[in-house]
Protein backbone atom coordinates (compact mmCIF):
# COMPACT_ATOMS: atom_id res chain seq x y z
CA GLN A 1 -3.11 -9.77 -15.83
CA VAL A 2 -3.36 -8.45 -12.35
CA GLN A 3 -6.39 -8.64 -9.93
CA LEU A 4 -6.74 -5.97 -7.28
CA VAL A 5 -8.92 -6.12 -4.19
CA GLU A 6 -8.99 -3.18 -1.90
CA SER A 7 -10.20 -3.23 1.88
CA GLY A 8 -9.91 -0.83 4.83
CA GLY A 9 -12.53 1.90 3.94
CA GLY A 10 -15.19 3.02 6.37
CA LEU A 11 -16.67 6.15 8.15
CA VAL A 12 -14.31 8.07 10.20
CA GLN A 13 -14.48 11.13 12.20
CA PRO A 14 -12.43 14.21 11.20
CA GLY A 15 -8.90 14.07 12.61
CA GLY A 16 -9.21 10.08 12.55
CA SER A 17 -7.16 7.63 10.77
CA LEU A 18 -7.73 4.56 8.53
CA ARG A 19 -5.29 2.33 6.56
CA LEU A 20 -6.26 1.03 3.16
CA SER A 21 -4.92 -2.24 1.70
CA CYS A 22 -4.82 -3.42 -1.82
CA ALA A 23 -4.11 -7.20 -2.43
CA ALA A 24 -2.54 -7.91 -5.67
CA SER A 25 -2.79 -11.42 -7.49
CA GLY A 26 -2.32 -13.05 -10.96
CA SER A 27 1.15 -11.54 -11.86
CA ILE A 28 4.42 -10.53 -10.73
CA PHE A 29 3.60 -7.60 -8.01
CA SER A 30 7.37 -6.30 -8.10
CA ILE A 31 7.44 -5.06 -11.86
CA TYR A 32 4.28 -2.70 -11.37
CA ASP A 33 4.08 0.88 -10.18
CA MET A 34 1.24 1.03 -7.69
CA ASN A 35 -1.03 4.01 -7.23
CA TRP A 36 -4.08 5.13 -5.07
CA TYR A 37 -6.59 7.17 -6.73
CA ARG A 38 -9.88 8.62 -5.37
CA GLN A 39 -13.09 9.97 -7.02
CA ALA A 40 -15.61 11.94 -4.96
CA PRO A 41 -19.17 12.57 -6.07
CA GLY A 42 -19.33 14.97 -9.12
CA LYS A 43 -15.64 15.04 -9.41
CA GLN A 44 -12.85 13.70 -11.70
CA ARG A 45 -10.70 10.77 -10.61
CA GLU A 46 -7.54 12.09 -9.11
CA LEU A 47 -4.03 10.58 -8.23
CA VAL A 48 -3.54 10.49 -4.21
CA ALA A 49 -0.32 8.78 -4.07
CA ALA A 50 2.26 6.65 -5.93
CA ILE A 51 4.88 4.05 -5.31
CA THR A 52 7.18 2.91 -7.97
CA LYS A 53 8.42 -0.75 -8.09
CA GLY A 54 11.62 0.43 -6.78
CA GLY A 55 9.83 2.23 -3.90
CA SER A 56 10.01 5.86 -4.57
CA THR A 57 7.14 7.68 -3.74
CA ASN A 58 4.89 10.71 -4.74
CA TYR A 59 1.93 12.45 -3.26
CA ALA A 60 -0.80 14.78 -4.16
CA ASP A 61 -0.08 18.44 -2.49
CA SER A 62 -3.45 18.01 -0.71
CA VAL A 63 -2.50 14.87 1.11
CA LYS A 64 1.30 15.58 1.90
CA GLY A 65 2.30 15.07 5.44
CA ARG A 66 -0.96 13.08 6.31
CA PHE A 67 -0.91 9.91 3.91
CA THR A 68 1.75 7.53 3.56
CA ILE A 69 1.98 4.78 0.86
CA SER A 70 3.94 1.57 1.12
CA ARG A 71 4.23 -1.84 -0.43
CA ASP A 72 5.00 -5.19 0.92
CA TYR A 73 6.39 -7.28 -1.72
CA ALA A 74 6.30 -10.65 0.31
CA LYS A 75 2.62 -10.02 0.68
CA ASN A 76 1.94 -8.55 -2.56
CA THR A 77 0.07 -5.73 -1.13
CA VAL A 78 0.00 -1.91 -1.30
CA TYR A 79 -0.91 0.14 1.64
CA LEU A 80 -2.43 3.86 2.14
CA GLN A 81 -2.20 5.10 5.89
CA MET A 82 -4.32 8.20 6.22
CA ASN A 83 -3.97 10.40 9.18
CA ASN A 84 -5.69 13.47 10.24
CA LEU A 85 -8.57 12.90 7.86
CA LYS A 86 -10.67 15.74 6.70
CA PRO A 87 -14.03 15.71 5.22
CA GLU A 88 -12.69 16.75 1.81
CA ASP A 89 -10.89 13.26 1.85
CA THR A 90 -14.58 11.61 1.37
CA ALA A 91 -14.27 9.65 -1.65
CA VAL A 92 -14.15 6.15 -3.28
CA TYR A 93 -10.42 5.18 -3.17
CA TYR A 94 -9.22 2.82 -5.92
CA CYS A 95 -5.87 0.88 -6.31
CA ASN A 96 -3.98 0.84 -9.52
CA ALA A 97 -1.26 -1.27 -11.00
CA ALA A 98 0.61 0.19 -13.89
CA ARG A 99 3.10 -0.76 -16.50
CA PRO A 100 3.88 1.20 -19.89
CA LEU A 101 0.72 0.57 -21.71
CA VAL A 102 -0.84 -1.61 -19.20
CA GLY A 103 -3.06 -0.68 -16.23
CA TYR A 104 -5.33 -2.79 -13.79
CA TRP A 105 -7.97 -1.32 -11.34
CA GLY A 106 -9.60 -2.58 -8.17
CA GLN A 107 -13.41 -2.26 -7.25
CA GLY A 108 -12.76 0.72 -4.92
CA THR A 109 -13.59 1.20 -1.42
CA GLN A 110 -15.77 4.14 0.07
CA VAL A 111 -13.87 6.50 2.70
CA THR A 112 -16.43 8.85 4.47
CA VAL A 113 -14.97 11.51 6.85
CA SER A 114 -17.78 12.84 8.97
CA SER A 115 -18.95 13.90 12.36
């Protein structure tokens, strides 16, 4: 089993930056693909960025060129660097650890982009 704790959310002005962190514990971090999802009010949860256990990355079209996902195997942590933030990026961001037939979620961290 994996426990995930997100941090780094907050209020930022349009054009600003934030870095989200997700600390994992309880299992072998390196065997999981790690994902960041977000959910805005009244909308479905959507996949924002993904990084495989081997380090390959993938991004939603809406964040390509602005967001970067990375992982630190020594710290059992995955990051989401978010630059040039827009009001439409406002959402609760969730960390997800995934293997075939198994998935774990963090509690979420709020990101609000507003002037």
